[in-house]
Amino acid sequence: MARQNKILVPEAREGLDRLKAKVANTTDPNEAKYEMAREQGVPLQRGYNGKLTSEQAGKVGGNLGGNMVKEMIRMVQEQLNKR
């Protein structure tokens, strides 16, 4: 499955993938969305998922992205507190 999003700093891809895997409690960032889907009870599978509702698809992407943002904020706050 091809990546649809472009990140502003291509060199950050590896770090973002590690963060995605960490948030999804998996070692493989490519498995992150499937792990989140399982946790949400969404029947996401490899390949065509045209039978998913917009709500189901949003649960997976929104939860994963939202948790990544929360984790980034937590990390920055931790770094600021160390100063």
PDB file of N, CA and C in Angstrom:
ATOM      1  N   MET A   1       0.845  -1.168   0.000  1.00  0.00           N
ATOM      2  CA  MET A   1       0.000   0.000   0.000  1.00  0.00           C
ATOM      3  C   MET A   1       0.899   1.242   0.000  1.00  0.00           C
ATOM      4  N   ALA A   2       0.703   2.129  -0.943  1.00  0.00           N
ATOM      5  CA  ALA A   2       1.532   3.326  -1.067  1.00  0.00           C
ATOM      6  C   ALA A   2       1.158   4.347   0.001  1.00  0.00           C
ATOM      7  N   ARG A   3       2.143   5.102   0.437  1.00  0.00           N
ATOM      8  CA  ARG A   3       1.896   6.172   1.407  1.00  0.00           C
ATOM      9  C   ARG A   3       1.233   7.333   0.697  1.00  0.00           C
ATOM     10  N   GLN A   4       0.181   7.853   1.300  1.00  0.00           N
ATOM     11  CA  GLN A   4      -0.563   8.958   0.720  1.00  0.00           C
ATOM     12  C   GLN A   4      -0.059  10.315   1.207  1.00  0.00           C
ATOM     13  N   ASN A   5       0.509  10.351   2.409  1.00  0.00           N
ATOM     14  CA  ASN A   5       0.911  11.623   3.006  1.00  0.00           C
ATOM     15  C   ASN A   5       2.384  11.902   2.756  1.00  0.00           C
ATOM     16  N   LYS A   6       2.688  13.165   2.560  1.00  0.00           N
ATOM     17  CA  LYS A   6       4.079  13.581   2.448  1.00  0.00           C
ATOM     18  C   LYS A   6       4.418  14.365   3.702  1.00  0.00           C
ATOM     19  N   ILE A   7       5.545  14.044   4.301  1.00  0.00           N
ATOM     20  CA  ILE A   7       5.964  14.796   5.469  1.00  0.00           C
ATOM     21  C   ILE A   7       6.846  15.955   5.016  1.00  0.00           C
ATOM     22  N   LEU A   8       6.868  17.012   5.797  1.00  0.00           N
ATOM     23  CA  LEU A   8       7.622  18.209   5.413  1.00  0.00           C
ATOM     24  C   LEU A   8       9.118  17.985   5.435  1.00  0.00           C
ATOM     25  N   VAL A   9       9.591  17.151   6.360  1.00  0.00           N
ATOM     26  CA  VAL A   9      11.019  16.864   6.469  1.00  0.00           C
ATOM     27  C   VAL A   9      11.212  15.366   6.213  1.00  0.00           C
ATOM     28  N   PRO A  10      11.584  15.004   4.985  1.00  0.00           N
ATOM     29  CA  PRO A  10      11.707  13.580   4.644  1.00  0.00           C
ATOM     30  C   PRO A  10      12.635  12.797   5.572  1.00  0.00           C
ATOM     31  N   GLU A  11      13.628  13.477   6.128  1.00  0.00           N
ATOM     32  CA  GLU A  11      14.570  12.814   7.026  1.00  0.00           C
ATOM     33  C   GLU A  11      13.908  12.368   8.328  1.00  0.00           C
ATOM     34  N   ALA A  12      12.723  12.876   8.618  1.00  0.00           N
ATOM     35  CA  ALA A  12      12.017  12.541   9.853  1.00  0.00           C
ATOM     36  C   ALA A  12      11.179  11.269   9.720  1.00  0.00           C
ATOM     37  N   ARG A  13      11.112  10.684   8.548  1.00  0.00           N
ATOM     38  CA  ARG A  13      10.265   9.507   8.305  1.00  0.00           C
ATOM     39  C   ARG A  13      10.569   8.381   9.293  1.00  0.00           C
ATOM     40  N   GLU A  14      11.840   8.070   9.487  1.00  0.00           N
ATOM     41  CA  GLU A  14      12.214   6.968  10.379  1.00  0.00           C
ATOM     42  C   GLU A  14      11.746   7.237  11.814  1.00  0.00           C
ATOM     43  N   GLY A  15      11.927   8.448  12.285  1.00  0.00           N
ATOM     44  CA  GLY A  15      11.495   8.807  13.630  1.00  0.00           C
ATOM     45  C   GLY A  15       9.984   8.743  13.774  1.00  0.00           C
ATOM     46  N   LEU A  16       9.263   9.213  12.766  1.00  0.00           N
ATOM     47  CA  LEU A  16       7.799   9.143  12.800  1.00  0.00           C
ATOM     48  C   LEU A  16       7.311   7.697  12.784  1.00  0.00           C
ATOM     49  N   ASP A  17       7.983   6.860  12.014  1.00  0.00           N
ATOM     50  CA  ASP A  17       7.607   5.445  11.978  1.00  0.00           C
ATOM     51  C   ASP A  17       7.838   4.785  13.345  1.00  0.00           C
ATOM     52  N   ARG A  18       8.953   5.136  14.011  1.00  0.00           N
ATOM     53  CA  ARG A  18       9.207   4.587  15.347  1.00  0.00           C
ATOM     54  C   ARG A  18       8.144   5.050  16.338  1.00  0.00           C
ATOM     55  N   LEU A  19       7.759   6.328  16.242  1.00  0.00           N
ATOM     56  CA  LEU A  19       6.725   6.867  17.124  1.00  0.00           C
ATOM     57  C   LEU A  19       5.389   6.174  16.871  1.00  0.00           C
ATOM     58  N   LYS A  20       5.054   5.959  15.618  1.00  0.00           N
ATOM     59  CA  LYS A  20       3.797   5.288  15.266  1.00  0.00           C
ATOM     60  C   LYS A  20       3.768   3.875  15.856  1.00  0.00           C
ATOM     61  N   ALA A  21       4.872   3.154  15.742  1.00  0.00           N
ATOM     62  CA  ALA A  21       4.943   1.799  16.290  1.00  0.00           C
ATOM     63  C   ALA A  21       4.829   1.831  17.809  1.00  0.00           C
ATOM     64  N   LYS A  22       5.478   2.799  18.442  1.00  0.00           N
ATOM     65  CA  LYS A  22       5.434   2.919  19.902  1.00  0.00           C
ATOM     66  C   LYS A  22       4.008   3.179  20.375  1.00  0.00           C
ATOM     67  N   VAL A  23       3.318   4.094  19.730  1.00  0.00           N
ATOM     68  CA  VAL A  23       1.947   4.446  20.106  1.00  0.00           C
ATOM     69  C   VAL A  23       1.004   3.266  19.919  1.00  0.00           C
ATOM     70  N   ALA A  24       1.223   2.467  18.895  1.00  0.00           N
ATOM     71  CA  ALA A  24       0.354   1.329  18.601  1.00  0.00           C
ATOM     72  C   ALA A  24       0.778   0.053  19.327  1.00  0.00           C
ATOM     73  N   ASN A  25       1.829   0.140  20.139  1.00  0.00           N
ATOM     74  CA  ASN A  25       2.324  -1.028  20.881  1.00  0.00           C
ATOM     75  C   ASN A  25       2.693  -2.182  19.966  1.00  0.00           C
ATOM     76  N   THR A  26       3.425  -1.863  18.915  1.00  0.00           N
ATOM     77  CA  THR A  26       3.890  -2.886  17.985  1.00  0.00           C
ATOM     78  C   THR A  26       5.329  -2.551  17.602  1.00  0.00           C
ATOM     79  N   THR A  27       6.030  -3.482  17.025  1.00  0.00           N
ATOM     80  CA  THR A  27       7.409  -3.216  16.611  1.00  0.00           C
ATOM     81  C   THR A  27       7.498  -2.787  15.153  1.00  0.00           C
ATOM     82  N   ASP A  28       6.452  -3.054  14.394  1.00  0.00           N
ATOM     83  CA  ASP A  28       6.446  -2.744  12.967  1.00  0.00           C
ATOM     84  C   ASP A  28       5.482  -1.588  12.685  1.00  0.00           C
ATOM     85  N   PRO A  29       5.991  -0.422  12.231  1.00  0.00           N
ATOM     86  CA  PRO A  29       5.107   0.707  11.974  1.00  0.00           C
ATOM     87  C   PRO A  29       4.068   0.423  10.898  1.00  0.00           C
ATOM     88  N   ASN A  30       4.347  -0.517  10.001  1.00  0.00           N
ATOM     89  CA  ASN A  30       3.382  -0.870   8.962  1.00  0.00           C
ATOM     90  C   ASN A  30       2.196  -1.640   9.538  1.00  0.00           C
ATOM     91  N   GLU A  31       2.365  -2.193  10.723  1.00  0.00           N
ATOM     92  CA  GLU A  31       1.287  -2.931  11.385  1.00  0.00           C
ATOM     93  C   GLU A  31       0.487  -2.047  12.332  1.00  0.00           C
ATOM     94  N   ALA A  32       0.914  -0.798  12.532  1.00  0.00           N
ATOM     95  CA  ALA A  32       0.293   0.083  13.517  1.00  0.00           C
ATOM     96  C   ALA A  32      -1.193   0.288  13.262  1.00  0.00           C
ATOM     97  N   LYS A  33      -1.572   0.575  12.038  1.00  0.00           N
ATOM     98  CA  LYS A  33      -2.988   0.834  11.778  1.00  0.00           C
ATOM     99  C   LYS A  33      -3.837  -0.409  11.962  1.00  0.00           C
ATOM    100  N   TYR A  34      -3.281  -1.576  11.677  1.00  0.00           N
ATOM    101  CA  TYR A  34      -4.030  -2.810  11.861  1.00  0.00           C
ATOM    102  C   TYR A  34      -4.204  -3.123  13.345  1.00  0.00           C
ATOM    103  N   GLU A  35      -3.172  -2.815  14.133  1.00  0.00           N
ATOM    104  CA  GLU A  35      -3.263  -3.006  15.577  1.00  0.00           C
ATOM    105  C   GLU A  35      -4.308  -2.067  16.173  1.00  0.00           C
ATOM    106  N   MET A  36      -4.297  -0.804  15.746  1.00  0.00           N
ATOM    107  CA  MET A  36      -5.283   0.156  16.229  1.00  0.00           C
ATOM    108  C   MET A  36      -6.684  -0.268  15.803  1.00  0.00           C
ATOM    109  N   ALA A  37      -6.824  -0.775  14.601  1.00  0.00           N
ATOM    110  CA  ALA A  37      -8.130  -1.226  14.121  1.00  0.00           C
ATOM    111  C   ALA A  37      -8.644  -2.376  14.987  1.00  0.00           C
ATOM    112  N   ARG A  38      -7.759  -3.315  15.322  1.00  0.00           N
ATOM    113  CA  ARG A  38      -8.167  -4.431  16.182  1.00  0.00           C
ATOM    114  C   ARG A  38      -8.635  -3.918  17.543  1.00  0.00           C
ATOM    115  N   GLU A  39      -7.879  -2.954  18.109  1.00  0.00           N
ATOM    116  CA  GLU A  39      -8.248  -2.394  19.404  1.00  0.00           C
ATOM    117  C   GLU A  39      -9.597  -1.679  19.356  1.00  0.00           C
ATOM    118  N   GLN A  40      -9.913  -1.069  18.221  1.00  0.00           N
ATOM    119  CA  GLN A  40     -11.162  -0.331  18.068  1.00  0.00           C
ATOM    120  C   GLN A  40     -12.319  -1.214  17.602  1.00  0.00           C
ATOM    121  N   GLY A  41     -12.016  -2.465  17.253  1.00  0.00           N
ATOM    122  CA  GLY A  41     -13.058  -3.369  16.763  1.00  0.00           C
ATOM    123  C   GLY A  41     -13.457  -3.085  15.323  1.00  0.00           C
ATOM    124  N   VAL A  42     -12.544  -2.478  14.563  1.00  0.00           N
ATOM    125  CA  VAL A  42     -12.804  -2.149  13.163  1.00  0.00           C
ATOM    126  C   VAL A  42     -12.228  -3.267  12.286  1.00  0.00           C
ATOM    127  N   PRO A  43     -13.018  -3.833  11.366  1.00  0.00           N
ATOM    128  CA  PRO A  43     -12.553  -4.945  10.543  1.00  0.00           C
ATOM    129  C   PRO A  43     -11.651  -4.516   9.374  1.00  0.00           C
ATOM    130  N   LEU A  44     -10.562  -3.853   9.688  1.00  0.00           N
ATOM    131  CA  LEU A  44      -9.617  -3.404   8.668  1.00  0.00           C
ATOM    132  C   LEU A  44      -8.758  -4.583   8.237  1.00  0.00           C
ATOM    133  N   GLN A  45      -8.580  -4.726   6.930  1.00  0.00           N
ATOM    134  CA  GLN A  45      -7.735  -5.793   6.417  1.00  0.00           C
ATOM    135  C   GLN A  45      -6.857  -5.256   5.296  1.00  0.00           C
ATOM    136  N   ARG A  46      -5.862  -6.014   4.932  1.00  0.00           N
ATOM    137  CA  ARG A  46      -4.975  -5.590   3.842  1.00  0.00           C
ATOM    138  C   ARG A  46      -5.761  -5.576   2.542  1.00  0.00           C
ATOM    139  N   GLY A  47      -5.403  -4.621   1.685  1.00  0.00           N
ATOM    140  CA  GLY A  47      -6.095  -4.538   0.407  1.00  0.00           C
ATOM    141  C   GLY A  47      -7.318  -3.651   0.472  1.00  0.00           C
ATOM    142  N   TYR A  48      -8.333  -4.031  -0.254  1.00  0.00           N
ATOM    143  CA  TYR A  48      -9.539  -3.231  -0.408  1.00  0.00           C
ATOM    144  C   TYR A  48     -10.386  -3.246   0.868  1.00  0.00           C
ATOM    145  N   ASN A  49     -10.747  -2.050   1.344  1.00  0.00           N
ATOM    146  CA  ASN A  49     -11.587  -1.910   2.533  1.00  0.00           C
ATOM    147  C   ASN A  49     -12.790  -1.031   2.241  1.00  0.00           C
ATOM    148  N   GLY A  50     -13.358  -1.175   1.063  1.00  0.00           N
ATOM    149  CA  GLY A  50     -14.471  -0.341   0.637  1.00  0.00           C
ATOM    150  C   GLY A  50     -15.734  -0.511   1.452  1.00  0.00           C
ATOM    151  N   LYS A  51     -15.827  -1.576   2.216  1.00  0.00           N
ATOM    152  CA  LYS A  51     -17.022  -1.792   3.030  1.00  0.00           C
ATOM    153  C   LYS A  51     -16.957  -1.095   4.384  1.00  0.00           C
ATOM    154  N   LEU A  52     -15.811  -0.504   4.692  1.00  0.00           N
ATOM    155  CA  LEU A  52     -15.701   0.243   5.946  1.00  0.00           C
ATOM    156  C   LEU A  52     -16.493   1.539   5.838  1.00  0.00           C
ATOM    157  N   THR A  53     -17.124   1.925   6.919  1.00  0.00           N
ATOM    158  CA  THR A  53     -17.811   3.210   6.927  1.00  0.00           C
ATOM    159  C   THR A  53     -16.789   4.309   7.189  1.00  0.00           C
ATOM    160  N   SER A  54     -17.168   5.541   6.927  1.00  0.00           N
ATOM    161  CA  SER A  54     -16.283   6.671   7.209  1.00  0.00           C
ATOM    162  C   SER A  54     -15.974   6.738   8.695  1.00  0.00           C
ATOM    163  N   GLU A  55     -16.973   6.414   9.501  1.00  0.00           N
ATOM    164  CA  GLU A  55     -16.779   6.431  10.957  1.00  0.00           C
ATOM    165  C   GLU A  55     -15.728   5.414  11.378  1.00  0.00           C
ATOM    166  N   GLN A  56     -15.795   4.213  10.817  1.00  0.00           N
ATOM    167  CA  GLN A  56     -14.819   3.181  11.156  1.00  0.00           C
ATOM    168  C   GLN A  56     -13.414   3.581  10.723  1.00  0.00           C
ATOM    169  N   ALA A  57     -13.283   4.094   9.519  1.00  0.00           N
ATOM    170  CA  ALA A  57     -11.969   4.514   9.022  1.00  0.00           C
ATOM    171  C   ALA A  57     -11.421   5.661   9.867  1.00  0.00           C
ATOM    172  N   GLY A  58     -12.283   6.572  10.261  1.00  0.00           N
ATOM    173  CA  GLY A  58     -11.863   7.701  11.081  1.00  0.00           C
ATOM    174  C   GLY A  58     -11.411   7.293  12.465  1.00  0.00           C
ATOM    175  N   LYS A  59     -12.025   6.234  13.001  1.00  0.00           N
ATOM    176  CA  LYS A  59     -11.618   5.734  14.313  1.00  0.00           C
ATOM    177  C   LYS A  59     -10.168   5.287  14.294  1.00  0.00           C
ATOM    178  N   VAL A  60      -9.781   4.617  13.238  1.00  0.00           N
ATOM    179  CA  VAL A  60      -8.419   4.089  13.139  1.00  0.00           C
ATOM    180  C   VAL A  60      -7.429   5.223  12.941  1.00  0.00           C
ATOM    181  N   GLY A  61      -7.621   6.024  11.901  1.00  0.00           N
ATOM    182  CA  GLY A  61      -6.682   7.103  11.607  1.00  0.00           C
ATOM    183  C   GLY A  61      -6.669   8.187  12.671  1.00  0.00           C
ATOM    184  N   GLY A  62      -7.842   8.545  13.150  1.00  0.00           N
ATOM    185  CA  GLY A  62      -7.933   9.594  14.159  1.00  0.00           C
ATOM    186  C   GLY A  62      -7.296   9.191  15.467  1.00  0.00           C
ATOM    187  N   ASN A  63      -7.528   7.960  15.868  1.00  0.00           N
ATOM    188  CA  ASN A  63      -6.962   7.472  17.117  1.00  0.00           C
ATOM    189  C   ASN A  63      -5.446   7.376  17.022  1.00  0.00           C
ATOM    190  N   LEU A  64      -4.962   6.848  15.941  1.00  0.00           N
ATOM    191  CA  LEU A  64      -3.514   6.705  15.763  1.00  0.00           C
ATOM    192  C   LEU A  64      -2.836   8.075  15.704  1.00  0.00           C
ATOM    193  N   GLY A  65      -3.357   8.967  14.867  1.00  0.00           N
ATOM    194  CA  GLY A  65      -2.770  10.300  14.747  1.00  0.00           C
ATOM    195  C   GLY A  65      -2.884  11.099  16.030  1.00  0.00           C
ATOM    196  N   GLY A  66      -4.037  11.018  16.680  1.00  0.00           N
ATOM    197  CA  GLY A  66      -4.233  11.737  17.932  1.00  0.00           C
ATOM    198  C   GLY A  66      -3.288  11.268  19.016  1.00  0.00           C
ATOM    199  N   ASN A  67      -3.101   9.964  19.108  1.00  0.00           N
ATOM    200  CA  ASN A  67      -2.178   9.428  20.101  1.00  0.00           C
ATOM    201  C   ASN A  67      -0.733   9.788  19.789  1.00  0.00           C
ATOM    202  N   MET A  68      -0.396   9.890  18.508  1.00  0.00           N
ATOM    203  CA  MET A  68       0.961  10.308  18.142  1.00  0.00           C
ATOM    204  C   MET A  68       1.199  11.754  18.574  1.00  0.00           C
ATOM    205  N   VAL A  69       0.221  12.616  18.364  1.00  0.00           N
ATOM    206  CA  VAL A  69       0.358  14.020  18.772  1.00  0.00           C
ATOM    207  C   VAL A  69       0.480  14.117  20.284  1.00  0.00           C
ATOM    208  N   LYS A  70      -0.340  13.381  21.017  1.00  0.00           N
ATOM    209  CA  LYS A  70      -0.266  13.389  22.482  1.00  0.00           C
ATOM    210  C   LYS A  70       1.109  12.948  22.959  1.00  0.00           C
ATOM    211  N   GLU A  71       1.646  11.914  22.336  1.00  0.00           N
ATOM    212  CA  GLU A  71       2.962  11.409  22.721  1.00  0.00           C
ATOM    213  C   GLU A  71       4.054  12.432  22.402  1.00  0.00           C
ATOM    214  N   MET A  72       3.955  13.101  21.255  1.00  0.00           N
ATOM    215  CA  MET A  72       4.952  14.133  20.920  1.00  0.00           C
ATOM    216  C   MET A  72       4.906  15.275  21.930  1.00  0.00           C
ATOM    217  N   ILE A  73       3.712  15.680  22.322  1.00  0.00           N
ATOM    218  CA  ILE A  73       3.574  16.756  23.313  1.00  0.00           C
ATOM    219  C   ILE A  73       4.173  16.314  24.642  1.00  0.00           C
ATOM    220  N   ARG A  74       3.905  15.071  25.051  1.00  0.00           N
ATOM    221  CA  ARG A  74       4.459  14.553  26.294  1.00  0.00           C
ATOM    222  C   ARG A  74       5.982  14.554  26.249  1.00  0.00           C
ATOM    223  N   MET A  75       6.550  14.168  25.104  1.00  0.00           N
ATOM    224  CA  MET A  75       8.000  14.121  24.955  1.00  0.00           C
ATOM    225  C   MET A  75       8.612  15.522  25.043  1.00  0.00           C
ATOM    226  N   VAL A  76       7.986  16.499  24.414  1.00  0.00           N
ATOM    227  CA  VAL A  76       8.492  17.871  24.447  1.00  0.00           C
ATOM    228  C   VAL A  76       8.401  18.430  25.861  1.00  0.00           C
ATOM    229  N   GLN A  77       7.293  18.179  26.552  1.00  0.00           N
ATOM    230  CA  GLN A  77       7.155  18.653  27.925  1.00  0.00           C
ATOM    231  C   GLN A  77       8.226  18.055  28.813  1.00  0.00           C
ATOM    232  N   GLU A  78       8.512  16.780  28.601  1.00  0.00           N
ATOM    233  CA  GLU A  78       9.558  16.103  29.367  1.00  0.00           C
ATOM    234  C   GLU A  78      10.920  16.751  29.109  1.00  0.00           C
ATOM    235  N   GLN A  79      11.210  17.067  27.850  1.00  0.00           N
ATOM    236  CA  GLN A  79      12.475  17.714  27.520  1.00  0.00           C
ATOM    237  C   GLN A  79      12.556  19.112  28.133  1.00  0.00           C
ATOM    238  N   LEU A  80      11.460  19.853  28.116  1.00  0.00           N
ATOM    239  CA  LEU A  80      11.457  21.190  28.700  1.00  0.00           C
ATOM    240  C   LEU A  80      11.649  21.140  30.217  1.00  0.00           C
ATOM    241  N   ASN A  81      11.101  20.129  30.856  1.00  0.00           N
ATOM    242  CA  ASN A  81      11.243  20.004  32.303  1.00  0.00           C
ATOM    243  C   ASN A  81      12.669  19.650  32.710  1.00  0.00           C
ATOM    244  N   LYS A  82      13.422  19.035  31.813  1.00  0.00           N
ATOM    245  CA  LYS A  82      14.814  18.685  32.098  1.00  0.00           C
ATOM    246  C   LYS A  82      15.725  19.902  32.074  1.00  0.00           C
ATOM    247  N   ARG A  83      15.287  20.979  31.449  1.00  0.00           N
ATOM    248  CA  ARG A  83      16.128  22.178  31.328  1.00  0.00           C
ATOM    249  C   ARG A  83      16.180  22.948  32.574  1.00  0.00           C
TER     250      ARG A  83
END
